[in-house]
Amino acid sequence: MGTPRAKGFSLWLMPEGAPRERLAGWIDRLADRHGGERFPPHVTLLAGVAGARRDVLARAAAVAARLEAFLVRLDGVDGRDEHFRCVFARVTPSGQLIAAHETAARAFERGPEPEYFPHLSLLYGSLSPGQKRILAREIGGGVGVRFRARRLHVWSTEGPVAEWDEVGAFDFGLR
């Protein structure tokens, strides 16, 4: 069985400036050490969005127009037995973040995910539980990052990570 692949489009919240650089540095270092893939730091608002690019972009623009900028807080490091959540920074699930997820899900005619788990992945892959614990301790407070979500980024996440591509970004409309 090969490396898991994502499907369709994904709606992301992405840090900018110093928070982006700090998180990208962790992602790159972990990829180098563990033979993982490189990807931009992001918190997935909605994944697996199907449809024609033009329709997805139009709906994403409408979602962004209904959102107000809000603070995203990372609050620790953990890992799961899932390729895309091998090692990640936990995201505090604020009311604004959950509401943004619900707005996005409705716009794409889906119900909000009862198990929506906001996180910012730091390493894709597969490690032993012991390796994950070591990394969680090592990184620990090093990802104590906050960033203001101000834009909705639309990525084509079809296929392998190396082929993922940003296809649009929309500023939040409410001030």
C-alpha atoms as a PDB file:
ATOM      1  CA  MET A   1       0.000   0.000   0.000  1.00  0.00           C
ATOM      2  CA  GLY A   2       1.437   3.377  -1.007  1.00  0.00           C
ATOM      3  CA  THR A   3       1.419   6.753   0.674  1.00  0.00           C
ATOM      4  CA  PRO A   4      -2.099   7.989   1.469  1.00  0.00           C
ATOM      5  CA  ARG A   5      -3.402  10.648  -0.887  1.00  0.00           C
ATOM      6  CA  ALA A   6      -5.872  13.435  -0.308  1.00  0.00           C
ATOM      7  CA  LYS A   7      -8.770  14.101  -2.668  1.00  0.00           C
ATOM      8  CA  GLY A   8     -10.423  17.142  -4.166  1.00  0.00           C
ATOM      9  CA  PHE A   9      -9.944  20.597  -2.725  1.00  0.00           C
ATOM     10  CA  SER A  10      -9.240  21.753   0.815  1.00  0.00           C
ATOM     11  CA  LEU A  11     -10.042  25.024   2.557  1.00  0.00           C
ATOM     12  CA  TRP A  12      -7.165  26.154   4.761  1.00  0.00           C
ATOM     13  CA  LEU A  13      -6.337  28.844   7.268  1.00  0.00           C
ATOM     14  CA  MET A  14      -2.662  29.733   6.892  1.00  0.00           C
ATOM     15  CA  PRO A  15      -0.360  31.711   9.175  1.00  0.00           C
ATOM     16  CA  GLU A  16       1.606  34.611   7.734  1.00  0.00           C
ATOM     17  CA  GLY A  17       4.866  36.349   8.625  1.00  0.00           C
ATOM     18  CA  ALA A  18       6.870  35.190  11.649  1.00  0.00           C
ATOM     19  CA  PRO A  19       4.378  32.477  12.741  1.00  0.00           C
ATOM     20  CA  ARG A  20       4.465  30.998   9.238  1.00  0.00           C
ATOM     21  CA  GLU A  21       8.274  31.007   9.171  1.00  0.00           C
ATOM     22  CA  ARG A  22       8.530  29.393  12.605  1.00  0.00           C
ATOM     23  CA  LEU A  23       6.066  26.609  11.751  1.00  0.00           C
ATOM     24  CA  ALA A  24       7.509  26.046   8.266  1.00  0.00           C
ATOM     25  CA  GLY A  25      10.919  25.661   9.919  1.00  0.00           C
ATOM     26  CA  TRP A  26       9.586  22.879  12.156  1.00  0.00           C
ATOM     27  CA  ILE A  27       7.877  21.162   9.212  1.00  0.00           C
ATOM     28  CA  ASP A  28      11.058  21.297   7.116  1.00  0.00           C
ATOM     29  CA  ARG A  29      13.324  20.055   9.941  1.00  0.00           C
ATOM     30  CA  LEU A  30      10.991  17.169  10.759  1.00  0.00           C
ATOM     31  CA  ALA A  31      10.668  16.235   7.076  1.00  0.00           C
ATOM     32  CA  ASP A  32      14.471  16.191   6.764  1.00  0.00           C
ATOM     33  CA  ARG A  33      14.945  14.078   9.904  1.00  0.00           C
ATOM     34  CA  HIS A  34      12.197  11.563   9.202  1.00  0.00           C
ATOM     35  CA  GLY A  35      12.043  11.447   5.402  1.00  0.00           C
ATOM     36  CA  GLY A  36       8.665  13.146   5.344  1.00  0.00           C
ATOM     37  CA  GLU A  37       6.969  15.402   2.858  1.00  0.00           C
ATOM     38  CA  ARG A  38       7.187  19.190   2.877  1.00  0.00           C
ATOM     39  CA  PHE A  39       3.971  21.191   2.939  1.00  0.00           C
ATOM     40  CA  PRO A  40       2.974  24.702   3.962  1.00  0.00           C
ATOM     41  CA  PRO A  41       1.717  25.249   7.513  1.00  0.00           C
ATOM     42  CA  HIS A  42      -2.075  25.255   7.618  1.00  0.00           C
ATOM     43  CA  VAL A  43      -5.167  24.464   9.645  1.00  0.00           C
ATOM     44  CA  THR A  44      -7.732  22.629   7.543  1.00  0.00           C
ATOM     45  CA  LEU A  45     -11.176  24.169   7.767  1.00  0.00           C
ATOM     46  CA  LEU A  46     -12.751  21.680   5.346  1.00  0.00           C
ATOM     47  CA  ALA A  47     -11.163  18.815   3.390  1.00  0.00           C
ATOM     48  CA  GLY A  48     -12.261  16.576   0.549  1.00  0.00           C
ATOM     49  CA  VAL A  49     -14.298  19.241  -1.213  1.00  0.00           C
ATOM     50  CA  ALA A  50     -15.532  17.924  -4.555  1.00  0.00           C
ATOM     51  CA  GLY A  51     -16.637  19.908  -7.579  1.00  0.00           C
ATOM     52  CA  ALA A  52     -15.453  21.937 -10.505  1.00  0.00           C
ATOM     53  CA  ARG A  53     -12.731  24.443  -9.667  1.00  0.00           C
ATOM     54  CA  ARG A  54     -14.847  27.434 -10.677  1.00  0.00           C
ATOM     55  CA  ASP A  55     -17.721  26.365  -8.396  1.00  0.00           C
ATOM     56  CA  VAL A  56     -15.407  25.572  -5.478  1.00  0.00           C
ATOM     57  CA  LEU A  57     -13.750  28.985  -5.796  1.00  0.00           C
ATOM     58  CA  ALA A  58     -17.093  30.799  -5.989  1.00  0.00           C
ATOM     59  CA  ARG A  59     -18.380  29.027  -2.881  1.00  0.00           C
ATOM     60  CA  ALA A  60     -15.108  29.612  -1.033  1.00  0.00           C
ATOM     61  CA  ALA A  61     -15.269  33.341  -1.852  1.00  0.00           C
ATOM     62  CA  ALA A  62     -18.818  33.429  -0.438  1.00  0.00           C
ATOM     63  CA  VAL A  63     -17.636  31.676   2.739  1.00  0.00           C
ATOM     64  CA  ALA A  64     -14.741  34.109   3.193  1.00  0.00           C
ATOM     65  CA  ALA A  65     -17.097  37.071   2.729  1.00  0.00           C
ATOM     66  CA  ARG A  66     -19.097  35.855   5.750  1.00  0.00           C
ATOM     67  CA  LEU A  67     -16.104  35.392   8.064  1.00  0.00           C
ATOM     68  CA  GLU A  68     -14.440  37.792  10.465  1.00  0.00           C
ATOM     69  CA  ALA A  69     -10.716  37.608  11.272  1.00  0.00           C
ATOM     70  CA  PHE A  70     -10.026  35.587  14.414  1.00  0.00           C
ATOM     71  CA  LEU A  71      -7.106  34.332  16.456  1.00  0.00           C
ATOM     72  CA  VAL A  72      -5.887  30.747  16.015  1.00  0.00           C
ATOM     73  CA  ARG A  73      -3.965  29.402  19.013  1.00  0.00           C
ATOM     74  CA  LEU A  74      -1.713  26.354  18.980  1.00  0.00           C
ATOM     75  CA  ASP A  75      -1.570  24.693  22.389  1.00  0.00           C
ATOM     76  CA  GLY A  76       0.756  21.689  22.352  1.00  0.00           C
ATOM     77  CA  VAL A  77       2.085  18.837  20.262  1.00  0.00           C
ATOM     78  CA  ASP A  78       0.630  15.370  19.829  1.00  0.00           C
ATOM     79  CA  GLY A  79       0.519  12.521  17.314  1.00  0.00           C
ATOM     80  CA  ARG A  80      -1.890   9.964  15.916  1.00  0.00           C
ATOM     81  CA  ASP A  81      -1.691   6.781  13.920  1.00  0.00           C
ATOM     82  CA  GLU A  82      -2.806   8.639  10.793  1.00  0.00           C
ATOM     83  CA  HIS A  83      -0.525   9.635   7.925  1.00  0.00           C
ATOM     84  CA  PHE A  84      -1.696  13.272   7.772  1.00  0.00           C
ATOM     85  CA  ARG A  85      -1.783  13.611  11.582  1.00  0.00           C
ATOM     86  CA  CYS A  86       1.437  11.805  12.444  1.00  0.00           C
ATOM     87  CA  VAL A  87       2.753  14.752  14.503  1.00  0.00           C
ATOM     88  CA  PHE A  88       0.729  17.938  14.882  1.00  0.00           C
ATOM     89  CA  ALA A  89       0.172  21.041  16.956  1.00  0.00           C
ATOM     90  CA  ARG A  90      -3.220  21.042  18.646  1.00  0.00           C
ATOM     91  CA  VAL A  91      -5.415  24.038  17.867  1.00  0.00           C
ATOM     92  CA  THR A  92      -7.668  25.467  20.549  1.00  0.00           C
ATOM     93  CA  PRO A  93     -11.176  24.965  19.092  1.00  0.00           C
ATOM     94  CA  SER A  94     -12.531  28.500  19.596  1.00  0.00           C
ATOM     95  CA  GLY A  95     -16.152  29.383  18.892  1.00  0.00           C
ATOM     96  CA  GLN A  96     -15.080  31.423  15.859  1.00  0.00           C
ATOM     97  CA  LEU A  97     -13.091  28.529  14.402  1.00  0.00           C
ATOM     98  CA  ILE A  98     -15.951  26.067  14.863  1.00  0.00           C
ATOM     99  CA  ALA A  99     -18.401  28.592  13.357  1.00  0.00           C
ATOM    100  CA  ALA A 100     -16.070  29.050  10.354  1.00  0.00           C
ATOM    101  CA  HIS A 101     -15.979  25.267   9.869  1.00  0.00           C
ATOM    102  CA  GLU A 102     -19.774  25.105  10.052  1.00  0.00           C
ATOM    103  CA  THR A 103     -20.142  27.983   7.553  1.00  0.00           C
ATOM    104  CA  ALA A 104     -17.779  26.255   5.125  1.00  0.00           C
ATOM    105  CA  ALA A 105     -19.514  22.877   5.482  1.00  0.00           C
ATOM    106  CA  ARG A 106     -22.947  24.402   4.798  1.00  0.00           C
ATOM    107  CA  ALA A 107     -21.628  26.293   1.761  1.00  0.00           C
ATOM    108  CA  PHE A 108     -20.553  22.962   0.274  1.00  0.00           C
ATOM    109  CA  GLU A 109     -23.852  21.287   1.190  1.00  0.00           C
ATOM    110  CA  ARG A 110     -22.325  19.150   3.893  1.00  0.00           C
ATOM    111  CA  GLY A 111     -23.120  18.882   7.541  1.00  0.00           C
ATOM    112  CA  PRO A 112     -20.506  20.134   9.996  1.00  0.00           C
ATOM    113  CA  GLU A 113     -18.206  17.297  11.006  1.00  0.00           C
ATOM    114  CA  PRO A 114     -19.113  16.159  14.540  1.00  0.00           C
ATOM    115  CA  GLU A 115     -15.521  14.998  14.917  1.00  0.00           C
ATOM    116  CA  TYR A 116     -13.938  18.162  13.456  1.00  0.00           C
ATOM    117  CA  PHE A 117     -10.439  18.181  14.909  1.00  0.00           C
ATOM    118  CA  PRO A 118      -8.576  21.424  14.267  1.00  0.00           C
ATOM    119  CA  HIS A 119      -4.827  20.920  14.175  1.00  0.00           C
ATOM    120  CA  LEU A 120      -1.716  22.076  12.333  1.00  0.00           C
ATOM    121  CA  SER A 121       0.259  19.105  11.028  1.00  0.00           C
ATOM    122  CA  LEU A 122       4.015  19.192  11.527  1.00  0.00           C
ATOM    123  CA  LEU A 123       4.918  15.815  10.023  1.00  0.00           C
ATOM    124  CA  TYR A 124       3.114  13.498   7.632  1.00  0.00           C
ATOM    125  CA  GLY A 125       4.102   9.870   7.842  1.00  0.00           C
ATOM    126  CA  SER A 126       4.283   7.029  10.311  1.00  0.00           C
ATOM    127  CA  LEU A 127       6.312   6.916  13.510  1.00  0.00           C
ATOM    128  CA  SER A 128       6.203   4.698  16.562  1.00  0.00           C
ATOM    129  CA  PRO A 129       4.328   5.996  19.617  1.00  0.00           C
ATOM    130  CA  GLY A 130       7.696   6.401  21.361  1.00  0.00           C
ATOM    131  CA  GLN A 131       9.104   8.540  18.541  1.00  0.00           C
ATOM    132  CA  LYS A 132       5.988  10.726  18.628  1.00  0.00           C
ATOM    133  CA  ARG A 133       6.309  11.218  22.401  1.00  0.00           C
ATOM    134  CA  ILE A 134       9.963  12.208  22.017  1.00  0.00           C
ATOM    135  CA  LEU A 135       9.092  14.734  19.298  1.00  0.00           C
ATOM    136  CA  ALA A 136       6.174  16.112  21.319  1.00  0.00           C
ATOM    137  CA  ARG A 137       8.525  16.744  24.256  1.00  0.00           C
ATOM    138  CA  GLU A 138      11.252  18.133  22.000  1.00  0.00           C
ATOM    139  CA  ILE A 139       8.972  20.533  20.149  1.00  0.00           C
ATOM    140  CA  GLY A 140       6.668  21.201  23.103  1.00  0.00           C
ATOM    141  CA  GLY A 141       6.394  24.934  23.646  1.00  0.00           C
ATOM    142  CA  GLY A 142       8.378  25.583  20.461  1.00  0.00           C
ATOM    143  CA  VAL A 143       5.106  25.778  18.569  1.00  0.00           C
ATOM    144  CA  GLY A 144       3.409  28.055  21.101  1.00  0.00           C
ATOM    145  CA  VAL A 145       2.210  30.152  18.202  1.00  0.00           C
ATOM    146  CA  ARG A 146      -0.816  32.324  17.631  1.00  0.00           C
ATOM    147  CA  PHE A 147      -1.845  33.757  14.315  1.00  0.00           C
ATOM    148  CA  ARG A 148      -4.736  35.787  13.008  1.00  0.00           C
ATOM    149  CA  ALA A 149      -6.769  33.991  10.347  1.00  0.00           C
ATOM    150  CA  ARG A 150      -7.721  36.647   7.774  1.00  0.00           C
ATOM    151  CA  ARG A 151      -7.950  34.736   4.501  1.00  0.00           C
ATOM    152  CA  LEU A 152      -9.442  31.518   3.242  1.00  0.00           C
ATOM    153  CA  HIS A 153      -7.001  29.580   1.078  1.00  0.00           C
ATOM    154  CA  VAL A 154      -8.238  27.025  -1.440  1.00  0.00           C
ATOM    155  CA  TRP A 155      -5.838  24.229  -2.312  1.00  0.00           C
ATOM    156  CA  SER A 156      -6.121  21.457  -4.834  1.00  0.00           C
ATOM    157  CA  THR A 157      -5.138  18.504  -2.642  1.00  0.00           C
ATOM    158  CA  GLU A 158      -5.695  15.838  -5.252  1.00  0.00           C
ATOM    159  CA  GLY A 159      -2.953  13.237  -5.363  1.00  0.00           C
ATOM    160  CA  PRO A 160       0.481  13.239  -3.743  1.00  0.00           C
ATOM    161  CA  VAL A 161       1.496  16.115  -1.456  1.00  0.00           C
ATOM    162  CA  ALA A 162       4.174  17.299  -3.913  1.00  0.00           C
ATOM    163  CA  GLU A 163       1.389  18.042  -6.430  1.00  0.00           C
ATOM    164  CA  TRP A 164      -0.821  20.075  -4.091  1.00  0.00           C
ATOM    165  CA  ASP A 165      -1.320  23.615  -5.320  1.00  0.00           C
ATOM    166  CA  GLU A 166      -3.023  26.773  -4.108  1.00  0.00           C
ATOM    167  CA  VAL A 167      -5.774  27.726  -6.562  1.00  0.00           C
ATOM    168  CA  GLY A 168      -7.267  30.727  -4.761  1.00  0.00           C
ATOM    169  CA  ALA A 169      -7.280  32.859  -1.617  1.00  0.00           C
ATOM    170  CA  PHE A 170      -9.994  35.195  -0.359  1.00  0.00           C
ATOM    171  CA  ASP A 171      -9.844  37.867   2.318  1.00  0.00           C
ATOM    172  CA  PHE A 172     -12.437  37.590   5.065  1.00  0.00           C
ATOM    173  CA  GLY A 173     -15.202  40.103   4.440  1.00  0.00           C
ATOM    174  CA  LEU A 174     -16.277  41.124   7.928  1.00  0.00           C
ATOM    175  CA  ARG A 175     -14.184  43.635   9.830  1.00  0.00           C
END
